[in-house]
C-alpha atoms as a PDB file:
ATOM      1  CA  MET A   1      26.702  -2.343 -19.202  1.00  0.00           C
ATOM      2  CA  GLY A   2      29.877  -1.694 -17.238  1.00  0.00           C
ATOM      3  CA  SER A   3      30.746  -3.333 -13.924  1.00  0.00           C
ATOM      4  CA  THR A   4      29.124  -2.101 -10.746  1.00  0.00           C
ATOM      5  CA  GLY A   5      32.404  -0.472  -9.733  1.00  0.00           C
ATOM      6  CA  THR A   6      32.569   1.403 -13.039  1.00  0.00           C
ATOM      7  CA  VAL A   7      28.974   2.549 -12.689  1.00  0.00           C
ATOM      8  CA  LEU A   8      29.628   3.772  -9.147  1.00  0.00           C
ATOM      9  CA  ARG A   9      32.643   5.777 -10.328  1.00  0.00           C
ATOM     10  CA  GLU A  10      30.544   7.366 -13.079  1.00  0.00           C
ATOM     11  CA  LEU A  11      27.807   8.168 -10.564  1.00  0.00           C
ATOM     12  CA  ARG A  12      30.323   9.924  -8.302  1.00  0.00           C
ATOM     13  CA  GLY A  13      31.024  12.239 -11.192  1.00  0.00           C
ATOM     14  CA  ALA A  14      27.315  12.918 -11.752  1.00  0.00           C
ATOM     15  CA  GLN A  15      26.514  14.302  -8.303  1.00  0.00           C
ATOM     16  CA  LYS A  16      24.681  17.523  -7.578  1.00  0.00           C
ATOM     17  CA  SER A  17      26.549  20.333  -5.883  1.00  0.00           C
ATOM     18  CA  ALA A  18      27.078  19.993  -2.121  1.00  0.00           C
ATOM     19  CA  LYS A  19      26.012  23.614  -1.626  1.00  0.00           C
ATOM     20  CA  GLY A  20      23.040  23.991   0.678  1.00  0.00           C
ATOM     21  CA  VAL A  21      23.059  20.281   1.590  1.00  0.00           C
ATOM     22  CA  SER A  22      23.168  18.924   5.134  1.00  0.00           C
ATOM     23  CA  LEU A  23      25.791  16.454   6.328  1.00  0.00           C
ATOM     24  CA  TYR A  24      23.243  13.625   6.380  1.00  0.00           C
ATOM     25  CA  SER A  25      22.245  14.053   2.753  1.00  0.00           C
ATOM     26  CA  ARG A  26      25.838  14.530   1.646  1.00  0.00           C
ATOM     27  CA  TYR A  27      27.492  11.669   3.528  1.00  0.00           C
ATOM     28  CA  VAL A  28      24.654   9.190   4.129  1.00  0.00           C
ATOM     29  CA  ASN A  29      21.705   9.563   1.784  1.00  0.00           C
ATOM     30  CA  ARG A  30      23.521  10.428  -1.429  1.00  0.00           C
ATOM     31  CA  PRO A  31      26.085   7.610  -1.096  1.00  0.00           C
ATOM     32  CA  ALA A  32      23.263   5.156  -0.294  1.00  0.00           C
ATOM     33  CA  GLY A  33      21.331   6.477  -3.292  1.00  0.00           C
ATOM     34  CA  ARG A  34      24.445   6.030  -5.429  1.00  0.00           C
ATOM     35  CA  VAL A  35      24.590   2.316  -4.570  1.00  0.00           C
ATOM     36  CA  LEU A  36      20.867   1.935  -5.303  1.00  0.00           C
ATOM     37  CA  ALA A  37      21.234   3.872  -8.564  1.00  0.00           C
ATOM     38  CA  ALA A  38      24.048   1.536  -9.635  1.00  0.00           C
ATOM     39  CA  GLY A  39      21.861  -1.472  -8.852  1.00  0.00           C
ATOM     40  CA  ALA A  40      18.937   0.058 -10.726  1.00  0.00           C
ATOM     41  CA  TYR A  41      21.198   0.742 -13.718  1.00  0.00           C
ATOM     42  CA  ARG A  42      22.396  -2.858 -13.747  1.00  0.00           C
ATOM     43  CA  ALA A  43      18.765  -4.032 -13.501  1.00  0.00           C
ATOM     44  CA  GLY A  44      17.735  -1.848 -16.436  1.00  0.00           C
ATOM     45  CA  LEU A  45      15.303   0.281 -14.426  1.00  0.00           C
ATOM     46  CA  SER A  46      14.328   3.766 -15.578  1.00  0.00           C
ATOM     47  CA  PRO A  47      14.576   6.819 -13.287  1.00  0.00           C
ATOM     48  CA  ASN A  48      10.767   6.952 -13.106  1.00  0.00           C
ATOM     49  CA  GLN A  49      10.631   3.329 -11.961  1.00  0.00           C
ATOM     50  CA  VAL A  50      13.132   4.178  -9.230  1.00  0.00           C
ATOM     51  CA  THR A  51      10.929   7.119  -8.191  1.00  0.00           C
ATOM     52  CA  LEU A  52       7.941   4.792  -7.920  1.00  0.00           C
ATOM     53  CA  THR A  53      10.029   2.326  -5.886  1.00  0.00           C
ATOM     54  CA  SER A  54      10.803   5.176  -3.504  1.00  0.00           C
ATOM     55  CA  ALA A  55       7.068   5.860  -3.238  1.00  0.00           C
ATOM     56  CA  VAL A  56       6.299   2.209  -2.424  1.00  0.00           C
ATOM     57  CA  PHE A  57       8.727   2.138   0.511  1.00  0.00           C
ATOM     58  CA  THR A  58       7.766   5.574   1.829  1.00  0.00           C
ATOM     59  CA  PHE A  59       3.999   5.287   1.490  1.00  0.00           C
ATOM     60  CA  GLY A  60       4.069   1.728   2.824  1.00  0.00           C
ATOM     61  CA  GLY A  61       5.908   2.870   5.946  1.00  0.00           C
ATOM     62  CA  LEU A  62       3.555   5.786   6.492  1.00  0.00           C
ATOM     63  CA  ALA A  63       0.477   3.607   5.994  1.00  0.00           C
ATOM     64  CA  ALA A  64       1.816   1.370   8.762  1.00  0.00           C
ATOM     65  CA  VAL A  65       2.104   4.394  11.086  1.00  0.00           C
ATOM     66  CA  ALA A  66      -1.577   5.162  10.544  1.00  0.00           C
ATOM     67  CA  LEU A  67      -2.929   1.603  10.644  1.00  0.00           C
ATOM     68  CA  VAL A  68      -0.772  -0.389  13.088  1.00  0.00           C
ATOM     69  CA  GLU A  69      -0.603   0.076  16.847  1.00  0.00           C
ATOM     70  CA  PRO A  70       2.772   1.581  17.824  1.00  0.00           C
ATOM     71  CA  SER A  71       5.469  -0.808  19.045  1.00  0.00           C
ATOM     72  CA  TRP A  72       9.243  -1.073  18.953  1.00  0.00           C
ATOM     73  CA  THR A  73       9.009  -3.541  16.073  1.00  0.00           C
ATOM     74  CA  LEU A  74       6.863  -1.101  14.119  1.00  0.00           C
ATOM     75  CA  ALA A  75       9.329   1.689  14.951  1.00  0.00           C
ATOM     76  CA  VAL A  76      12.244  -0.177  13.357  1.00  0.00           C
ATOM     77  CA  LEU A  77      10.236  -1.257  10.308  1.00  0.00           C
ATOM     78  CA  VAL A  78       8.845   2.226   9.667  1.00  0.00           C
ATOM     79  CA  TYR A  79      12.244   3.853  10.078  1.00  0.00           C
ATOM     80  CA  ALA A  80      13.819   1.352   7.687  1.00  0.00           C
ATOM     81  CA  ALA A  81      11.082   1.880   5.091  1.00  0.00           C
ATOM     82  CA  LEU A  82      11.380   5.676   5.248  1.00  0.00           C
ATOM     83  CA  VAL A  83      15.183   5.667   5.063  1.00  0.00           C
ATOM     84  CA  VAL A  84      15.221   3.262   2.113  1.00  0.00           C
ATOM     85  CA  GLY A  85      12.524   5.319   0.402  1.00  0.00           C
ATOM     86  CA  PHE A  86      14.612   8.463   0.926  1.00  0.00           C
ATOM     87  CA  ALA A  87      17.687   6.777  -0.542  1.00  0.00           C
ATOM     88  CA  PHE A  88      15.707   5.736  -3.629  1.00  0.00           C
ATOM     89  CA  ASP A  89      14.518   9.353  -3.852  1.00  0.00           C
ATOM     90  CA  SER A  90      18.177  10.328  -4.272  1.00  0.00           C
ATOM     91  CA  ALA A  91      18.877   7.414  -6.611  1.00  0.00           C
ATOM     92  CA  ASP A  92      16.328   8.437  -9.263  1.00  0.00           C
ATOM     93  CA  GLY A  93      18.035  11.762  -9.960  1.00  0.00           C
ATOM     94  CA  GLN A  94      21.489  10.192  -9.950  1.00  0.00           C
ATOM     95  CA  LEU A  95      20.339   7.534 -12.403  1.00  0.00           C
ATOM     96  CA  ALA A  96      18.754  10.188 -14.626  1.00  0.00           C
ATOM     97  CA  ARG A  97      22.006  12.159 -14.771  1.00  0.00           C
ATOM     98  CA  LEU A  98      24.031   9.014 -15.455  1.00  0.00           C
ATOM     99  CA  THR A  99      21.831   7.784 -18.299  1.00  0.00           C
ATOM    100  CA  GLY A 100      20.646  11.124 -19.688  1.00  0.00           C
ATOM    101  CA  ARG A 101      17.074   9.825 -19.418  1.00  0.00           C
ATOM    102  CA  GLY A 102      15.801  12.600 -17.185  1.00  0.00           C
ATOM    103  CA  GLY A 103      13.135  15.003 -18.385  1.00  0.00           C
ATOM    104  CA  PRO A 104      10.169  17.155 -17.358  1.00  0.00           C
ATOM    105  CA  ASP A 105       8.027  14.061 -16.793  1.00  0.00           C
ATOM    106  CA  GLY A 106      10.537  12.618 -14.333  1.00  0.00           C
ATOM    107  CA  GLU A 107      10.966  15.897 -12.482  1.00  0.00           C
ATOM    108  CA  TRP A 108       7.180  16.268 -12.303  1.00  0.00           C
ATOM    109  CA  LEU A 109       6.726  12.724 -10.983  1.00  0.00           C
ATOM    110  CA  ASP A 110       9.463  13.219  -8.395  1.00  0.00           C
ATOM    111  CA  HIS A 111       7.820  16.391  -7.080  1.00  0.00           C
ATOM    112  CA  VAL A 112       4.381  14.763  -7.006  1.00  0.00           C
ATOM    113  CA  VAL A 113       5.740  11.894  -4.923  1.00  0.00           C
ATOM    114  CA  ASP A 114       7.561  14.325  -2.615  1.00  0.00           C
ATOM    115  CA  CYS A 115       4.385  16.369  -2.126  1.00  0.00           C
ATOM    116  CA  GLY A 116       2.315  13.251  -1.450  1.00  0.00           C
ATOM    117  CA  LYS A 117       4.932  12.041   1.042  1.00  0.00           C
ATOM    118  CA  MET A 118       4.841  15.333   2.898  1.00  0.00           C
ATOM    119  CA  VAL A 119       1.068  15.386   3.231  1.00  0.00           C
ATOM    120  CA  LEU A 120       0.699  11.693   4.069  1.00  0.00           C
ATOM    121  CA  LEU A 121       3.502  11.777   6.650  1.00  0.00           C
ATOM    122  CA  HIS A 122       1.781  14.211   8.995  1.00  0.00           C
ATOM    123  CA  THR A 123      -1.667  12.810   8.196  1.00  0.00           C
ATOM    124  CA  ALA A 124      -0.418   9.381   9.291  1.00  0.00           C
ATOM    125  CA  VAL A 125       0.865  10.829  12.564  1.00  0.00           C
ATOM    126  CA  LEU A 126      -2.485  12.557  13.119  1.00  0.00           C
ATOM    127  CA  ILE A 127      -4.364   9.294  12.550  1.00  0.00           C
ATOM    128  CA  SER A 128      -1.976   7.431  14.860  1.00  0.00           C
ATOM    129  CA  PHE A 129      -2.450  10.051  17.571  1.00  0.00           C
ATOM    130  CA  TYR A 130      -6.222   9.778  17.241  1.00  0.00           C
ATOM    131  CA  ARG A 131      -6.403   5.950  17.123  1.00  0.00           C
ATOM    132  CA  PHE A 132      -3.617   4.876  19.490  1.00  0.00           C
ATOM    133  CA  GLY A 133      -2.199   7.937  21.233  1.00  0.00           C
ATOM    134  CA  GLU A 134      -4.117   8.112  24.534  1.00  0.00           C
ATOM    135  CA  LEU A 135      -3.349  11.813  24.371  1.00  0.00           C
ATOM    136  CA  PRO A 136      -3.181  13.953  27.510  1.00  0.00           C
ATOM    137  CA  SER A 137      -5.247  16.522  25.574  1.00  0.00           C
ATOM    138  CA  THR A 138      -7.069  16.604  22.249  1.00  0.00           C
ATOM    139  CA  ALA A 139      -5.047  19.744  21.491  1.00  0.00           C
ATOM    140  CA  TRP A 140      -2.235  17.383  20.470  1.00  0.00           C
ATOM    141  CA  LEU A 141      -4.265  16.620  17.347  1.00  0.00           C
ATOM    142  CA  LEU A 142      -3.505  20.144  16.138  1.00  0.00           C
ATOM    143  CA  LEU A 143       0.241  19.509  16.176  1.00  0.00           C
ATOM    144  CA  PRO A 144       0.420  17.348  13.011  1.00  0.00           C
ATOM    145  CA  LEU A 145      -1.771  19.880  11.195  1.00  0.00           C
ATOM    146  CA  GLY A 146       0.572  22.725  12.123  1.00  0.00           C
ATOM    147  CA  PHE A 147       3.644  20.680  11.210  1.00  0.00           C
ATOM    148  CA  GLN A 148       2.055  19.760   7.896  1.00  0.00           C
ATOM    149  CA  LEU A 149       1.361  23.433   7.156  1.00  0.00           C
ATOM    150  CA  ALA A 150       5.000  24.353   7.826  1.00  0.00           C
ATOM    151  CA  ALA A 151       6.261  21.470   5.672  1.00  0.00           C
ATOM    152  CA  VAL A 152       3.998  22.199   2.711  1.00  0.00           C
ATOM    153  CA  VAL A 153       4.697  25.952   2.755  1.00  0.00           C
ATOM    154  CA  THR A 154       8.451  25.281   2.936  1.00  0.00           C
ATOM    155  CA  PHE A 155       8.241  22.855   0.007  1.00  0.00           C
ATOM    156  CA  CYS A 156       6.100  25.097  -2.194  1.00  0.00           C
ATOM    157  CA  ALA A 157       7.961  28.308  -1.343  1.00  0.00           C
ATOM    158  CA  GLY A 158      11.324  26.677  -2.012  1.00  0.00           C
ATOM    159  CA  LEU A 159      10.141  25.279  -5.332  1.00  0.00           C
ATOM    160  CA  LEU A 160       8.752  28.653  -6.374  1.00  0.00           C
ATOM    161  CA  ARG A 161      11.984  30.373  -5.309  1.00  0.00           C
ATOM    162  CA  GLU A 162      13.934  28.052  -7.575  1.00  0.00           C
ATOM    163  CA  GLN A 163      11.613  28.410 -10.574  1.00  0.00           C
ATOM    164  CA  LEU A 164      11.158  32.182 -10.285  1.00  0.00           C
ATOM    165  CA  GLY A 165      14.888  32.649  -9.883  1.00  0.00           C
ATOM    166  CA  LYS A 166      15.523  30.641 -13.047  1.00  0.00           C
ATOM    167  CA  ALA A 167      12.857  32.575 -14.945  1.00  0.00           C
ATOM    168  CA  ALA A 168      14.343  35.924 -13.908  1.00  0.00           C
ATOM    169  CA  ALA A 169      17.851  34.797 -14.836  1.00  0.00           C
ATOM    170  CA  ASN A 170      16.681  33.548 -18.235  1.00  0.00           C
ATOM    171  CA  ALA A 171      14.786  36.764 -18.930  1.00  0.00           C
ATOM    172  CA  ARG A 172      17.523  39.168 -17.857  1.00  0.00           C
ATOM    173  CA  GLY A 173      20.690  37.153 -18.325  1.00  0.00           C
ATOM    174  CA  PRO A 174      22.848  35.048 -15.970  1.00  0.00           C
ATOM    175  CA  SER A 175      24.233  38.156 -14.262  1.00  0.00           C
ATOM    176  CA  TRP A 176      20.857  38.613 -12.552  1.00  0.00           C
ATOM    177  CA  ALA A 177      20.991  35.226 -10.834  1.00  0.00           C
ATOM    178  CA  VAL A 178      21.635  35.196  -7.105  1.00  0.00           C
ATOM    179  CA  PRO A 179      24.924  33.356  -6.443  1.00  0.00           C
ATOM    180  CA  ALA A 180      24.527  30.168  -4.438  1.00  0.00           C
ATOM    181  CA  ALA A 181      26.091  30.068  -0.997  1.00  0.00           C
ATOM    182  CA  PRO A 182      29.404  28.185  -0.816  1.00  0.00           C
ATOM    183  CA  ALA A 183      29.472  24.629   0.524  1.00  0.00           C
ATOM    184  CA  SER A 184      30.138  25.618   4.124  1.00  0.00           C
ATOM    185  CA  PRO A 185      30.682  22.866   6.759  1.00  0.00           C
ATOM    186  CA  VAL A 186      28.958  25.093   9.332  1.00  0.00           C
ATOM    187  CA  ARG A 187      25.909  25.444   7.076  1.00  0.00           C
ATOM    188  CA  ALA A 188      25.900  21.679   6.451  1.00  0.00           C
ATOM    189  CA  VAL A 189      25.713  21.077  10.212  1.00  0.00           C
ATOM    190  CA  ALA A 190      23.140  23.840  10.769  1.00  0.00           C
ATOM    191  CA  LEU A 191      20.821  22.285   8.172  1.00  0.00           C
ATOM    192  CA  LEU A 192      20.778  18.887   9.889  1.00  0.00           C
ATOM    193  CA  PRO A 193      17.595  19.553  11.945  1.00  0.00           C
ATOM    194  CA  ALA A 194      15.703  20.365   8.727  1.00  0.00           C
ATOM    195  CA  ASP A 195      16.927  17.266   6.864  1.00  0.00           C
ATOM    196  CA  TYR A 196      14.274  14.639   6.136  1.00  0.00           C
ATOM    197  CA  GLY A 197      16.724  11.859   6.984  1.00  0.00           C
ATOM    198  CA  ILE A 198      17.184  13.287  10.480  1.00  0.00           C
ATOM    199  CA  PHE A 199      13.428  13.735  10.818  1.00  0.00           C
ATOM    200  CA  CYS A 200      12.951  10.012  10.125  1.00  0.00           C
ATOM    201  CA  LEU A 201      14.852   9.226  13.347  1.00  0.00           C
ATOM    202  CA  VAL A 202      11.849  10.301  15.423  1.00  0.00           C
ATOM    203  CA  PHE A 203       9.938   7.244  14.211  1.00  0.00           C
ATOM    204  CA  LEU A 204      12.376   5.048  16.127  1.00  0.00           C
ATOM    205  CA  LEU A 205      10.511   6.346  19.210  1.00  0.00           C
ATOM    206  CA  LEU A 206       7.148   4.920  18.140  1.00  0.00           C
ATOM    207  CA  GLY A 207       7.460   2.231  20.795  1.00  0.00           C
ATOM    208  CA  ALA A 208       7.277   4.947  23.478  1.00  0.00           C
ATOM    209  CA  PRO A 209       4.309   7.161  22.535  1.00  0.00           C
ATOM    210  CA  GLY A 210       5.141   9.915  25.014  1.00  0.00           C
ATOM    211  CA  ALA A 211       8.734  10.174  23.796  1.00  0.00           C
ATOM    212  CA  PHE A 212       7.540  10.120  20.186  1.00  0.00           C
ATOM    213  CA  ARG A 213       5.105  12.977  20.848  1.00  0.00           C
ATOM    214  CA  ALA A 214       7.817  15.020  22.545  1.00  0.00           C
ATOM    215  CA  GLY A 215      10.351  14.409  19.770  1.00  0.00           C
ATOM    216  CA  TYR A 216       7.791  15.161  17.076  1.00  0.00           C
ATOM    217  CA  ALA A 217       6.800  18.392  18.859  1.00  0.00           C
ATOM    218  CA  VAL A 218      10.426  19.534  19.094  1.00  0.00           C
ATOM    219  CA  LEU A 219      10.913  18.890  15.373  1.00  0.00           C
ATOM    220  CA  ALA A 220       7.710  20.798  14.587  1.00  0.00           C
ATOM    221  CA  VAL A 221       9.072  23.853  16.406  1.00  0.00           C
ATOM    222  CA  VAL A 222      12.467  23.531  14.697  1.00  0.00           C
ATOM    223  CA  HIS A 223      10.931  23.216  11.219  1.00  0.00           C
ATOM    224  CA  THR A 224       8.691  26.219  11.872  1.00  0.00           C
ATOM    225  CA  LEU A 225      11.735  28.305  12.827  1.00  0.00           C
ATOM    226  CA  PHE A 226      13.546  27.132   9.706  1.00  0.00           C
ATOM    227  CA  LEU A 227      10.490  28.068   7.630  1.00  0.00           C
ATOM    228  CA  ALA A 228      10.581  31.632   8.970  1.00  0.00           C
ATOM    229  CA  ALA A 229      14.302  31.897   8.186  1.00  0.00           C
ATOM    230  CA  PHE A 230      13.901  30.400   4.700  1.00  0.00           C
ATOM    231  CA  LEU A 231      10.977  32.682   3.820  1.00  0.00           C
ATOM    232  CA  ALA A 232      12.932  35.789   4.802  1.00  0.00           C
ATOM    233  CA  LYS A 233      15.977  34.602   2.843  1.00  0.00           C
ATOM    234  CA  TRP A 234      14.048  33.632  -0.303  1.00  0.00           C
ATOM    235  CA  PHE A 235      11.988  36.840  -0.304  1.00  0.00           C
ATOM    236  CA  LYS A 236      15.166  38.909  -0.040  1.00  0.00           C
ATOM    237  CA  GLU A 237      16.781  36.978  -2.902  1.00  0.00           C
ATOM    238  CA  LEU A 238      13.772  37.327  -5.191  1.00  0.00           C
ATOM    239  CA  LYS A 239      13.420  41.007  -4.369  1.00  0.00           C
ATOM    240  CA  ALA A 240      17.031  41.479  -5.492  1.00  0.00           C
ATOM    241  CA  LEU A 241      16.053  40.089  -8.917  1.00  0.00           C
ATOM    242  CA  ARG A 242      13.570  42.888  -9.608  1.00  0.00           C
ATOM    243  CA  ALA A 243      14.537  45.313 -12.324  1.00  0.00           C
ATOM    244  CA  ASP A 244      15.305  48.873 -11.209  1.00  0.00           C
END
């Protein structure tokens, strides 16, 4: 094994494209994941083990949201667990590219964990609202369900867009592929509200239930608007791949 500095330099050269990535993922989460990937490499961990480590942090934090009465201490602990879990989620792919040990099993496991995270996240908020929220109206219980719907549809539609685009390009040749948008700084800023790392910030408000509800509601509206924009964009791109 090389030194940690050598591993970090190699990881910098094994990064995904910055196209379509928000500023948080590009300048915070990916660099944090790079450090964790270097540590995992030195420890002899596999990419799948790093994925499972991500799941432990993320699911542990979300279980605490559902089971523990909100407080400022809980807010900090949950935020830390989610952010570390997100960084490990970046580290597994970086480690896979560095070691060449990635494969369909790892990609499948990563997507399963991501899907479970998405469902559990909003389920945990729903349970917390019901158990500890002292809600002004029971209608608030519908909010996590709506947010969950938007998140799951965005995840599944985006995954299908990627796979169907690849299938069409493979069947008809690379010239049929839709070119990716350039790495625009404006786009990187615009995508910040939809970034999971930014979403995690709302859990720092758990100590003030009213503020948490308001922040969560604002994010639900923002993510729903992003879903509408993404669906229109992806449908247009896939329609362009149809043969004449």
